[in-house]
Amino acid sequence: MSRFSKHHQLWDEFRWEEEIRKDERRISGYFHELAACLDLPDEEQLIYDQLAGRNDVVIAETPDSARNMFSDGDDADAEEHSPRRSVESATVDELDMLAAEWNILASTGIFRQHQPLILGCSCAFAKLLARCADFLEPDADCAQALLISTGKRTLRDLNETVQFLDRAAETLPELQVHVERFISRLGEIRERLISRLISLR
């Protein structure tokens, strides 16, 4: 069954932006509650009950679906074996490799005293990667207005990632050369994202 109803197809990019903000509040709320409920009996039910009491977030219909809210249900094995030839797919792959390179750098342990800053960059990369995949590899029935809104969000997340990297380089000068390379490659990806966004308008 299609994830998007006829009602959703009528939404403009600004209505989708509002929905994306609600979704981000849900995700933030989930992780906030997870810290307090982790490893407790029925932790998913506890988290679900806490989020259900808020009217400013979009939540799953049941605790079981909340558990899988970060999975789109796609067959990962099928995706691994499918050929990727488009610029969009290559861009997602490139960003995935950049995120992996940063995580390898972060895992060396030499920046242990600045772990929150380093992990902040890792989280920014992860968020950007997820958003970029939603924008460049959307479902077939994805509304154009949603794509435009997602594209604008992707550019915002990319800029945020660059800001995280800049802060890391300011705090740790030994990272400057690495950060310059990451930012240069993110700049190339930004140009592709802008080009794709323009093509949708």
N, C-alpha and C. Protein backbone atom coordinates (compact mmCIF):
# COMPACT_ATOMS: atom_id res chain seq x y z
N MET A 1 0.83 -1.18 0.00
CA MET A 1 0.00 0.00 0.00
C MET A 1 0.88 1.25 0.00
N SER A 2 0.46 2.25 -0.72
CA SER A 2 1.24 3.48 -0.82
C SER A 2 1.35 4.15 0.53
N ARG A 3 2.54 4.68 0.83
CA ARG A 3 2.76 5.40 2.08
C ARG A 3 2.12 6.78 2.03
N PHE A 4 1.83 7.27 0.83
CA PHE A 4 1.32 8.63 0.68
C PHE A 4 -0.10 8.59 0.13
N SER A 5 -1.03 9.18 0.87
CA SER A 5 -2.42 9.24 0.42
C SER A 5 -2.60 10.42 -0.52
N LYS A 6 -3.79 10.51 -1.12
CA LYS A 6 -4.09 11.66 -1.98
C LYS A 6 -4.01 12.96 -1.17
N HIS A 7 -4.38 12.86 0.10
CA HIS A 7 -4.32 14.02 0.99
C HIS A 7 -2.88 14.53 1.10
N HIS A 8 -1.93 13.60 1.26
CA HIS A 8 -0.52 13.99 1.36
C HIS A 8 -0.02 14.62 0.07
N GLN A 9 -0.51 14.15 -1.05
CA GLN A 9 -0.05 14.68 -2.34
C GLN A 9 -0.42 16.14 -2.51
N LEU A 10 -1.39 16.62 -1.74
CA LEU A 10 -1.82 18.02 -1.85
C LEU A 10 -0.99 18.95 -0.97
N TRP A 11 -0.18 18.39 -0.09
CA TRP A 11 0.63 19.23 0.78
C TRP A 11 1.70 19.96 -0.02
N ASP A 12 1.99 21.22 0.36
CA ASP A 12 3.08 21.94 -0.27
C ASP A 12 4.35 21.72 0.55
N GLU A 13 5.46 22.28 0.07
CA GLU A 13 6.75 22.04 0.74
C GLU A 13 6.78 22.59 2.16
N PHE A 14 5.99 23.64 2.42
CA PHE A 14 5.98 24.24 3.75
C PHE A 14 5.21 23.36 4.74
N ARG A 15 4.15 22.71 4.25
CA ARG A 15 3.42 21.75 5.10
C ARG A 15 4.30 20.55 5.41
N TRP A 16 5.08 20.11 4.42
CA TRP A 16 6.00 19.00 4.65
C TRP A 16 7.10 19.40 5.63
N GLU A 17 7.54 20.64 5.53
CA GLU A 17 8.56 21.13 6.47
C GLU A 17 8.05 21.05 7.90
N GLU A 18 6.80 21.43 8.11
CA GLU A 18 6.19 21.34 9.44
C GLU A 18 6.16 19.89 9.92
N GLU A 19 5.84 18.98 9.01
CA GLU A 19 5.78 17.56 9.38
C GLU A 19 7.17 17.01 9.70
N ILE A 20 8.17 17.44 8.94
CA ILE A 20 9.55 17.01 9.20
C ILE A 20 10.00 17.50 10.58
N ARG A 21 9.62 18.72 10.93
CA ARG A 21 9.99 19.25 12.25
C ARG A 21 9.35 18.42 13.36
N LYS A 22 8.10 18.03 13.17
CA LYS A 22 7.44 17.17 14.16
C LYS A 22 8.17 15.84 14.27
N ASP A 23 8.58 15.31 13.13
CA ASP A 23 9.28 14.03 13.13
C ASP A 23 10.62 14.14 13.86
N GLU A 24 11.31 15.26 13.67
CA GLU A 24 12.58 15.45 14.36
C GLU A 24 12.38 15.60 15.86
N ARG A 25 11.28 16.24 16.27
CA ARG A 25 10.99 16.32 17.70
C ARG A 25 10.69 14.94 18.26
N ARG A 26 10.04 14.09 17.47
CA ARG A 26 9.77 12.72 17.90
C ARG A 26 11.05 11.95 18.11
N ILE A 27 11.96 12.07 17.15
CA ILE A 27 13.24 11.36 17.26
C ILE A 27 14.02 11.85 18.47
N SER A 28 14.05 13.18 18.64
CA SER A 28 14.75 13.75 19.79
C SER A 28 14.10 13.28 21.09
N GLY A 29 12.77 13.26 21.13
CA GLY A 29 12.06 12.80 22.31
C GLY A 29 12.32 11.34 22.60
N TYR A 30 12.40 10.55 21.54
CA TYR A 30 12.67 9.11 21.72
C TYR A 30 14.02 8.90 22.42
N PHE A 31 15.05 9.56 21.92
CA PHE A 31 16.38 9.37 22.51
C PHE A 31 16.47 9.98 23.91
N HIS A 32 15.71 11.05 24.16
CA HIS A 32 15.68 11.63 25.50
C HIS A 32 15.07 10.64 26.49
N GLU A 33 13.96 10.03 26.09
CA GLU A 33 13.31 9.05 26.97
C GLU A 33 14.11 7.77 27.07
N LEU A 34 14.81 7.41 25.99
CA LEU A 34 15.61 6.17 26.00
C LEU A 34 16.66 6.21 27.09
N ALA A 35 17.27 7.36 27.30
CA ALA A 35 18.31 7.47 28.32
C ALA A 35 17.77 7.13 29.71
N ALA A 36 16.50 7.48 29.97
CA ALA A 36 15.91 7.22 31.28
C ALA A 36 15.33 5.81 31.40
N CYS A 37 14.98 5.21 30.25
CA CYS A 37 14.28 3.92 30.28
C CYS A 37 15.14 2.75 29.84
N LEU A 38 16.36 3.01 29.45
CA LEU A 38 17.21 1.96 28.88
C LEU A 38 17.34 0.78 29.84
N ASP A 39 17.11 -0.42 29.30
CA ASP A 39 17.25 -1.69 30.03
C ASP A 39 16.19 -1.92 31.10
N LEU A 40 15.18 -1.06 31.18
CA LEU A 40 14.07 -1.32 32.09
C LEU A 40 13.11 -2.30 31.44
N PRO A 41 12.36 -3.06 32.25
CA PRO A 41 11.33 -3.94 31.66
C PRO A 41 10.34 -3.10 30.86
N ASP A 42 9.96 -3.60 29.70
CA ASP A 42 9.00 -2.89 28.82
C ASP A 42 9.46 -1.49 28.48
N GLU A 43 10.75 -1.34 28.18
CA GLU A 43 11.27 0.00 27.90
C GLU A 43 10.57 0.66 26.73
N GLU A 44 10.24 -0.13 25.69
CA GLU A 44 9.57 0.46 24.52
C GLU A 44 8.19 1.00 24.89
N GLN A 45 7.47 0.26 25.74
CA GLN A 45 6.15 0.72 26.17
C GLN A 45 6.27 2.00 26.99
N LEU A 46 7.28 2.05 27.86
CA LEU A 46 7.49 3.25 28.68
C LEU A 46 7.78 4.47 27.80
N ILE A 47 8.64 4.28 26.82
CA ILE A 47 8.98 5.39 25.90
C ILE A 47 7.75 5.81 25.12
N TYR A 48 7.02 4.81 24.61
CA TYR A 48 5.82 5.10 23.83
C TYR A 48 4.81 5.90 24.66
N ASP A 49 4.61 5.48 25.91
CA ASP A 49 3.65 6.17 26.78
C ASP A 49 4.07 7.62 27.02
N GLN A 50 5.38 7.85 27.19
CA GLN A 50 5.86 9.21 27.40
C GLN A 50 5.64 10.08 26.16
N LEU A 51 5.93 9.52 24.99
CA LEU A 51 5.78 10.29 23.75
C LEU A 51 4.31 10.50 23.41
N ALA A 52 3.47 9.53 23.75
CA ALA A 52 2.04 9.63 23.43
C ALA A 52 1.38 10.77 24.19
N GLY A 53 1.98 11.18 25.30
CA GLY A 53 1.43 12.28 26.08
C GLY A 53 1.76 13.65 25.53
N ARG A 54 2.56 13.69 24.48
CA ARG A 54 2.93 14.97 23.88
C ARG A 54 2.15 15.18 22.60
N ASN A 55 1.62 16.37 22.40
CA ASN A 55 0.84 16.63 21.18
C ASN A 55 1.65 17.33 20.11
N ASP A 56 2.95 17.53 20.35
CA ASP A 56 3.78 18.25 19.37
C ASP A 56 4.68 17.32 18.57
N VAL A 57 4.46 16.00 18.70
CA VAL A 57 5.29 15.06 17.97
C VAL A 57 4.42 14.07 17.21
N VAL A 58 5.01 13.49 16.18
CA VAL A 58 4.38 12.41 15.43
C VAL A 58 4.92 11.12 16.01
N ILE A 59 4.05 10.21 16.43
CA ILE A 59 4.55 8.96 16.99
C ILE A 59 3.96 7.78 16.24
N ALA A 60 4.60 6.63 16.42
CA ALA A 60 4.13 5.40 15.80
C ALA A 60 2.82 4.99 16.45
N GLU A 61 2.08 4.12 15.76
CA GLU A 61 0.77 3.72 16.27
C GLU A 61 0.86 2.78 17.46
N THR A 62 1.93 2.01 17.55
CA THR A 62 2.09 1.05 18.63
C THR A 62 3.53 1.05 19.10
N PRO A 63 3.79 0.56 20.32
CA PRO A 63 5.19 0.46 20.76
C PRO A 63 6.04 -0.41 19.85
N ASP A 64 5.43 -1.48 19.28
CA ASP A 64 6.21 -2.34 18.37
C ASP A 64 6.67 -1.58 17.14
N SER A 65 5.80 -0.73 16.60
CA SER A 65 6.21 0.05 15.43
C SER A 65 7.18 1.14 15.83
N ALA A 66 7.10 1.60 17.08
CA ALA A 66 8.07 2.59 17.56
C ALA A 66 9.46 1.98 17.59
N ARG A 67 9.54 0.70 17.92
CA ARG A 67 10.84 0.03 17.98
C ARG A 67 11.52 0.04 16.62
N ASN A 68 10.73 0.02 15.56
CA ASN A 68 11.28 -0.05 14.21
C ASN A 68 11.19 1.28 13.48
N MET A 69 11.01 2.36 14.24
CA MET A 69 10.77 3.64 13.55
C MET A 69 11.96 4.14 12.75
N PHE A 70 13.15 3.62 13.02
CA PHE A 70 14.32 4.06 12.28
C PHE A 70 14.65 3.12 11.14
N SER A 71 13.80 2.13 10.89
CA SER A 71 14.01 1.20 9.79
C SER A 71 12.89 1.36 8.79
N ASP A 72 13.23 1.46 7.51
CA ASP A 72 12.18 1.63 6.50
C ASP A 72 11.68 0.30 5.97
N GLY A 73 12.19 -0.83 6.50
CA GLY A 73 11.68 -2.13 6.11
C GLY A 73 12.22 -2.64 4.80
N ASP A 74 13.14 -1.93 4.18
CA ASP A 74 13.70 -2.39 2.91
C ASP A 74 14.59 -3.60 3.15
N ASP A 75 14.74 -4.41 2.12
CA ASP A 75 15.61 -5.57 2.20
C ASP A 75 17.03 -5.11 1.92
N ALA A 76 17.85 -5.05 2.96
CA ALA A 76 19.22 -4.53 2.82
C ALA A 76 20.04 -5.38 1.87
N ASP A 77 19.84 -6.70 1.91
CA ASP A 77 20.60 -7.58 1.02
C ASP A 77 20.30 -7.29 -0.44
N ALA A 78 19.04 -7.01 -0.72
CA ALA A 78 18.66 -6.71 -2.10
C ALA A 78 19.32 -5.43 -2.57
N GLU A 79 19.41 -4.45 -1.67
CA GLU A 79 20.04 -3.18 -2.04
C GLU A 79 21.53 -3.35 -2.28
N GLU A 80 22.17 -4.23 -1.51
CA GLU A 80 23.61 -4.42 -1.66
C GLU A 80 23.95 -4.98 -3.02
N HIS A 81 23.06 -5.79 -3.58
CA HIS A 81 23.37 -6.46 -4.84
C HIS A 81 22.80 -5.72 -6.05
N SER A 82 22.06 -4.65 -5.83
CA SER A 82 21.51 -3.91 -6.96
C SER A 82 22.56 -2.94 -7.49
N PRO A 83 22.67 -2.84 -8.82
CA PRO A 83 23.68 -1.94 -9.38
C PRO A 83 23.32 -0.48 -9.12
N ARG A 84 24.34 0.35 -8.86
CA ARG A 84 24.12 1.77 -8.62
C ARG A 84 24.89 2.53 -9.67
N ARG A 85 24.16 3.22 -10.54
CA ARG A 85 24.84 3.92 -11.63
C ARG A 85 24.54 5.40 -11.66
N SER A 86 23.47 5.82 -11.02
CA SER A 86 23.07 7.23 -11.12
C SER A 86 23.98 8.12 -10.29
N VAL A 87 23.98 9.40 -10.67
CA VAL A 87 24.74 10.40 -9.91
C VAL A 87 24.21 10.47 -8.48
N GLU A 88 22.88 10.37 -8.35
CA GLU A 88 22.27 10.45 -7.03
C GLU A 88 22.76 9.32 -6.12
N SER A 89 22.74 8.09 -6.65
CA SER A 89 23.19 6.95 -5.84
C SER A 89 24.68 7.04 -5.54
N ALA A 90 25.45 7.49 -6.53
CA ALA A 90 26.90 7.64 -6.32
C ALA A 90 27.17 8.69 -5.24
N THR A 91 26.34 9.74 -5.19
CA THR A 91 26.51 10.78 -4.18
C THR A 91 26.23 10.23 -2.79
N VAL A 92 25.18 9.43 -2.66
CA VAL A 92 24.88 8.80 -1.37
C VAL A 92 26.03 7.89 -0.95
N ASP A 93 26.55 7.12 -1.90
CA ASP A 93 27.67 6.23 -1.60
C ASP A 93 28.91 7.02 -1.16
N GLU A 94 29.16 8.13 -1.85
CA GLU A 94 30.33 8.96 -1.50
C GLU A 94 30.19 9.52 -0.10
N LEU A 95 28.99 10.00 0.23
CA LEU A 95 28.76 10.53 1.57
C LEU A 95 28.88 9.44 2.63
N ASP A 96 28.43 8.25 2.29
CA ASP A 96 28.57 7.10 3.19
C ASP A 96 30.05 6.83 3.47
N MET A 97 30.86 6.89 2.42
CA MET A 97 32.30 6.66 2.59
C MET A 97 32.94 7.78 3.42
N LEU A 98 32.51 9.02 3.21
CA LEU A 98 33.03 10.14 4.01
C LEU A 98 32.72 9.94 5.49
N ALA A 99 31.48 9.55 5.78
CA ALA A 99 31.08 9.31 7.16
C ALA A 99 31.92 8.19 7.77
N ALA A 100 32.15 7.13 6.99
CA ALA A 100 32.96 6.01 7.49
C ALA A 100 34.40 6.47 7.75
N GLU A 101 34.95 7.29 6.84
CA GLU A 101 36.31 7.79 7.03
C GLU A 101 36.42 8.62 8.30
N TRP A 102 35.42 9.47 8.55
CA TRP A 102 35.45 10.27 9.77
C TRP A 102 35.38 9.36 11.00
N ASN A 103 34.51 8.35 10.95
CA ASN A 103 34.36 7.46 12.11
C ASN A 103 35.64 6.66 12.37
N ILE A 104 36.34 6.30 11.31
CA ILE A 104 37.63 5.60 11.49
C ILE A 104 38.62 6.54 12.17
N LEU A 105 38.64 7.79 11.71
CA LEU A 105 39.52 8.79 12.32
C LEU A 105 39.15 9.01 13.79
N ALA A 106 37.84 9.06 14.05
CA ALA A 106 37.37 9.31 15.42
C ALA A 106 37.65 8.15 16.36
N SER A 107 37.76 6.94 15.79
CA SER A 107 37.93 5.75 16.64
C SER A 107 39.38 5.47 17.02
N THR A 108 40.30 6.30 16.55
CA THR A 108 41.71 6.04 16.84
C THR A 108 42.04 6.22 18.31
N GLY A 109 41.24 6.99 19.03
CA GLY A 109 41.46 7.16 20.46
C GLY A 109 42.34 8.34 20.82
N ILE A 110 43.00 8.95 19.83
CA ILE A 110 43.91 10.05 20.16
C ILE A 110 43.16 11.33 20.53
N PHE A 111 41.85 11.34 20.24
CA PHE A 111 41.05 12.53 20.56
C PHE A 111 40.10 12.25 21.73
N ARG A 112 40.49 11.34 22.59
CA ARG A 112 39.61 10.89 23.67
C ARG A 112 39.15 12.04 24.57
N GLN A 113 40.02 12.99 24.82
CA GLN A 113 39.65 14.10 25.70
C GLN A 113 38.56 15.00 25.09
N HIS A 114 38.43 14.91 23.78
CA HIS A 114 37.43 15.74 23.09
C HIS A 114 36.36 14.86 22.43
N GLN A 115 36.04 13.76 23.10
CA GLN A 115 35.12 12.80 22.51
C GLN A 115 33.75 13.39 22.17
N PRO A 116 33.13 14.21 23.04
CA PRO A 116 31.82 14.78 22.67
C PRO A 116 31.86 15.56 21.36
N LEU A 117 32.93 16.32 21.15
CA LEU A 117 33.07 17.09 19.92
C LEU A 117 33.23 16.18 18.71
N ILE A 118 34.06 15.16 18.84
CA ILE A 118 34.30 14.23 17.75
C ILE A 118 33.04 13.43 17.43
N LEU A 119 32.35 12.97 18.47
CA LEU A 119 31.12 12.21 18.26
C LEU A 119 30.00 13.09 17.70
N GLY A 120 30.05 14.38 18.04
CA GLY A 120 29.09 15.31 17.46
C GLY A 120 29.21 15.35 15.94
N CYS A 121 30.44 15.33 15.45
CA CYS A 121 30.68 15.28 14.00
C CYS A 121 30.15 13.98 13.41
N SER A 122 30.38 12.88 14.12
CA SER A 122 29.89 11.57 13.65
C SER A 122 28.37 11.58 13.53
N CYS A 123 27.70 12.14 14.54
CA CYS A 123 26.24 12.22 14.52
C CYS A 123 25.75 13.12 13.38
N ALA A 124 26.46 14.22 13.15
CA ALA A 124 26.08 15.13 12.06
C ALA A 124 26.20 14.43 10.72
N PHE A 125 27.27 13.66 10.54
CA PHE A 125 27.43 12.88 9.31
C PHE A 125 26.29 11.87 9.14
N ALA A 126 25.95 11.18 10.23
CA ALA A 126 24.89 10.17 10.16
C ALA A 126 23.55 10.79 9.78
N LYS A 127 23.24 11.92 10.39
CA LYS A 127 21.99 12.62 10.07
C LYS A 127 21.98 13.07 8.62
N LEU A 128 23.09 13.64 8.17
CA LEU A 128 23.20 14.10 6.79
C LEU A 128 23.05 12.93 5.82
N LEU A 129 23.68 11.82 6.12
CA LEU A 129 23.60 10.66 5.23
C LEU A 129 22.16 10.16 5.10
N ALA A 130 21.46 10.06 6.22
CA ALA A 130 20.08 9.59 6.18
C ALA A 130 19.20 10.54 5.37
N ARG A 131 19.39 11.84 5.60
CA ARG A 131 18.57 12.82 4.89
C ARG A 131 18.91 12.83 3.39
N CYS A 132 20.19 12.72 3.08
CA CYS A 132 20.62 12.72 1.69
C CYS A 132 20.03 11.53 0.94
N ALA A 133 20.01 10.36 1.58
CA ALA A 133 19.44 9.17 0.95
C ALA A 133 17.94 9.36 0.72
N ASP A 134 17.24 9.98 1.67
CA ASP A 134 15.82 10.25 1.49
C ASP A 134 15.57 11.18 0.31
N PHE A 135 16.48 12.14 0.12
CA PHE A 135 16.32 13.12 -0.95
C PHE A 135 16.71 12.56 -2.31
N LEU A 136 17.84 11.88 -2.38
CA LEU A 136 18.37 11.44 -3.67
C LEU A 136 17.89 10.06 -4.10
N GLU A 137 17.42 9.25 -3.16
CA GLU A 137 16.91 7.93 -3.48
C GLU A 137 15.52 7.73 -2.87
N PRO A 138 14.55 8.57 -3.28
CA PRO A 138 13.23 8.53 -2.65
C PRO A 138 12.40 7.34 -3.13
N ASP A 139 11.32 7.07 -2.39
CA ASP A 139 10.36 6.07 -2.84
C ASP A 139 9.70 6.55 -4.13
N ALA A 140 9.20 5.62 -4.90
CA ALA A 140 8.61 5.96 -6.19
C ALA A 140 7.40 6.88 -6.04
N ASP A 141 6.65 6.75 -4.93
CA ASP A 141 5.43 7.54 -4.77
C ASP A 141 5.65 8.80 -3.94
N CYS A 142 6.91 9.19 -3.77
CA CYS A 142 7.21 10.37 -2.95
C CYS A 142 6.73 11.64 -3.64
N ALA A 143 5.98 12.46 -2.91
CA ALA A 143 5.45 13.71 -3.47
C ALA A 143 6.58 14.69 -3.77
N GLN A 144 6.43 15.44 -4.85
CA GLN A 144 7.48 16.39 -5.24
C GLN A 144 7.70 17.46 -4.18
N ALA A 145 6.61 17.92 -3.56
CA ALA A 145 6.75 18.94 -2.51
C ALA A 145 7.56 18.40 -1.33
N LEU A 146 7.37 17.12 -1.01
CA LEU A 146 8.16 16.51 0.07
C LEU A 146 9.63 16.44 -0.33
N LEU A 147 9.90 16.11 -1.58
CA LEU A 147 11.28 16.05 -2.06
C LEU A 147 11.95 17.42 -1.95
N ILE A 148 11.23 18.46 -2.33
CA ILE A 148 11.79 19.81 -2.25
C ILE A 148 12.10 20.17 -0.81
N SER A 149 11.16 19.89 0.08
CA SER A 149 11.37 20.18 1.50
C SER A 149 12.54 19.37 2.05
N THR A 150 12.62 18.10 1.65
CA THR A 150 13.72 17.25 2.11
C THR A 150 15.06 17.74 1.55
N GLY A 151 15.06 18.21 0.31
CA GLY A 151 16.28 18.74 -0.29
C GLY A 151 16.80 19.96 0.46
N LYS A 152 15.88 20.85 0.83
CA LYS A 152 16.28 22.04 1.59
C LYS A 152 16.82 21.64 2.96
N ARG A 153 16.19 20.66 3.57
CA ARG A 153 16.67 20.15 4.86
C ARG A 153 18.05 19.50 4.71
N THR A 154 18.27 18.81 3.61
CA THR A 154 19.56 18.16 3.37
C THR A 154 20.68 19.19 3.30
N LEU A 155 20.42 20.29 2.60
CA LEU A 155 21.42 21.37 2.51
C LEU A 155 21.68 21.97 3.89
N ARG A 156 20.63 22.11 4.67
CA ARG A 156 20.80 22.64 6.03
C ARG A 156 21.65 21.69 6.86
N ASP A 157 21.38 20.40 6.75
CA ASP A 157 22.15 19.40 7.51
C ASP A 157 23.61 19.37 7.05
N LEU A 158 23.84 19.58 5.76
CA LEU A 158 25.21 19.62 5.26
C LEU A 158 25.95 20.82 5.86
N ASN A 159 25.29 21.97 5.87
CA ASN A 159 25.92 23.16 6.47
C ASN A 159 26.21 22.95 7.96
N GLU A 160 25.30 22.27 8.64
CA GLU A 160 25.51 21.97 10.06
C GLU A 160 26.70 21.04 10.26
N THR A 161 26.85 20.07 9.36
CA THR A 161 27.98 19.16 9.44
C THR A 161 29.30 19.91 9.26
N VAL A 162 29.32 20.85 8.32
CA VAL A 162 30.51 21.67 8.10
C VAL A 162 30.82 22.49 9.36
N GLN A 163 29.79 23.01 10.00
CA GLN A 163 30.01 23.79 11.23
C GLN A 163 30.61 22.92 12.33
N PHE A 164 30.13 21.69 12.46
CA PHE A 164 30.69 20.76 13.44
C PHE A 164 32.17 20.50 13.13
N LEU A 165 32.48 20.29 11.85
CA LEU A 165 33.86 20.03 11.45
C LEU A 165 34.75 21.24 11.72
N ASP A 166 34.24 22.43 11.44
CA ASP A 166 35.00 23.65 11.71
C ASP A 166 35.32 23.78 13.20
N ARG A 167 34.33 23.48 14.05
CA ARG A 167 34.56 23.55 15.49
C ARG A 167 35.62 22.54 15.92
N ALA A 168 35.59 21.35 15.32
CA ALA A 168 36.58 20.34 15.65
C ALA A 168 37.98 20.81 15.28
N ALA A 169 38.11 21.43 14.12
CA ALA A 169 39.42 21.91 13.66
C ALA A 169 39.93 23.07 14.51
N GLU A 170 39.00 23.93 14.97
CA GLU A 170 39.40 25.05 15.84
C GLU A 170 39.92 24.54 17.18
N THR A 171 39.27 23.50 17.69
CA THR A 171 39.67 22.95 18.99
C THR A 171 40.90 22.07 18.88
N LEU A 172 41.00 21.35 17.77
CA LEU A 172 42.10 20.40 17.57
C LEU A 172 42.82 20.73 16.26
N PRO A 173 43.81 21.62 16.28
CA PRO A 173 44.50 22.05 15.06
C PRO A 173 45.07 20.88 14.26
N GLU A 174 45.41 19.78 14.93
CA GLU A 174 45.95 18.63 14.20
C GLU A 174 44.94 18.00 13.25
N LEU A 175 43.66 18.38 13.41
CA LEU A 175 42.62 17.87 12.51
C LEU A 175 42.42 18.76 11.29
N GLN A 176 43.09 19.90 11.24
CA GLN A 176 42.82 20.91 10.21
C GLN A 176 42.92 20.34 8.80
N VAL A 177 43.99 19.61 8.51
CA VAL A 177 44.18 19.06 7.15
C VAL A 177 43.05 18.10 6.80
N HIS A 178 42.69 17.24 7.75
CA HIS A 178 41.60 16.30 7.51
C HIS A 178 40.29 17.03 7.28
N VAL A 179 40.02 18.02 8.14
CA VAL A 179 38.76 18.75 8.06
C VAL A 179 38.65 19.49 6.73
N GLU A 180 39.75 20.09 6.27
CA GLU A 180 39.72 20.79 4.98
C GLU A 180 39.34 19.84 3.85
N ARG A 181 39.86 18.62 3.91
CA ARG A 181 39.53 17.64 2.87
C ARG A 181 38.05 17.24 2.94
N PHE A 182 37.55 17.01 4.15
CA PHE A 182 36.13 16.66 4.30
C PHE A 182 35.23 17.78 3.80
N ILE A 183 35.57 19.02 4.17
CA ILE A 183 34.73 20.15 3.78
C ILE A 183 34.77 20.36 2.27
N SER A 184 35.93 20.14 1.65
CA SER A 184 36.04 20.27 0.20
C SER A 184 35.13 19.27 -0.50
N ARG A 185 35.13 18.04 -0.02
CA ARG A 185 34.29 17.02 -0.64
C ARG A 185 32.81 17.27 -0.37
N LEU A 186 32.50 17.79 0.81
CA LEU A 186 31.12 18.14 1.10
C LEU A 186 30.66 19.30 0.22
N GLY A 187 31.59 20.19 -0.14
CA GLY A 187 31.26 21.28 -1.05
C GLY A 187 30.85 20.75 -2.42
N GLU A 188 31.53 19.72 -2.89
CA GLU A 188 31.17 19.09 -4.17
C GLU A 188 29.78 18.46 -4.08
N ILE A 189 29.52 17.81 -2.96
CA ILE A 189 28.20 17.19 -2.77
C ILE A 189 27.12 18.26 -2.69
N ARG A 190 27.43 19.38 -2.05
CA ARG A 190 26.46 20.49 -1.96
C ARG A 190 26.04 20.94 -3.36
N GLU A 191 27.01 21.06 -4.28
CA GLU A 191 26.68 21.49 -5.64
C GLU A 191 25.71 20.52 -6.32
N ARG A 192 25.91 19.22 -6.09
CA ARG A 192 25.01 18.22 -6.68
C ARG A 192 23.62 18.30 -6.07
N LEU A 193 23.57 18.55 -4.75
CA LEU A 193 22.27 18.67 -4.08
C LEU A 193 21.51 19.89 -4.60
N ILE A 194 22.22 21.00 -4.77
CA ILE A 194 21.58 22.22 -5.28
C ILE A 194 21.07 21.99 -6.70
N SER A 195 21.88 21.32 -7.51
CA SER A 195 21.47 21.04 -8.89
C SER A 195 20.21 20.18 -8.92
N ARG A 196 20.15 19.19 -8.05
CA ARG A 196 18.99 18.32 -7.99
C ARG A 196 17.77 19.10 -7.51
N LEU A 197 17.96 19.96 -6.52
CA LEU A 197 16.85 20.75 -6.00
C LEU A 197 16.31 21.70 -7.06
N ILE A 198 17.19 22.32 -7.82
CA ILE A 198 16.76 23.23 -8.89
C ILE A 198 15.95 22.47 -9.94
N SER A 199 16.35 21.25 -10.23
CA SER A 199 15.65 20.45 -11.25
C SER A 199 14.24 20.08 -10.84
N LEU A 200 13.96 20.13 -9.54
CA LEU A 200 12.62 19.78 -9.05
C LEU A 200 11.66 20.96 -9.09
N ARG A 201 12.17 22.15 -9.27
CA ARG A 201 11.32 23.35 -9.22
C ARG A 201 10.80 23.74 -10.61
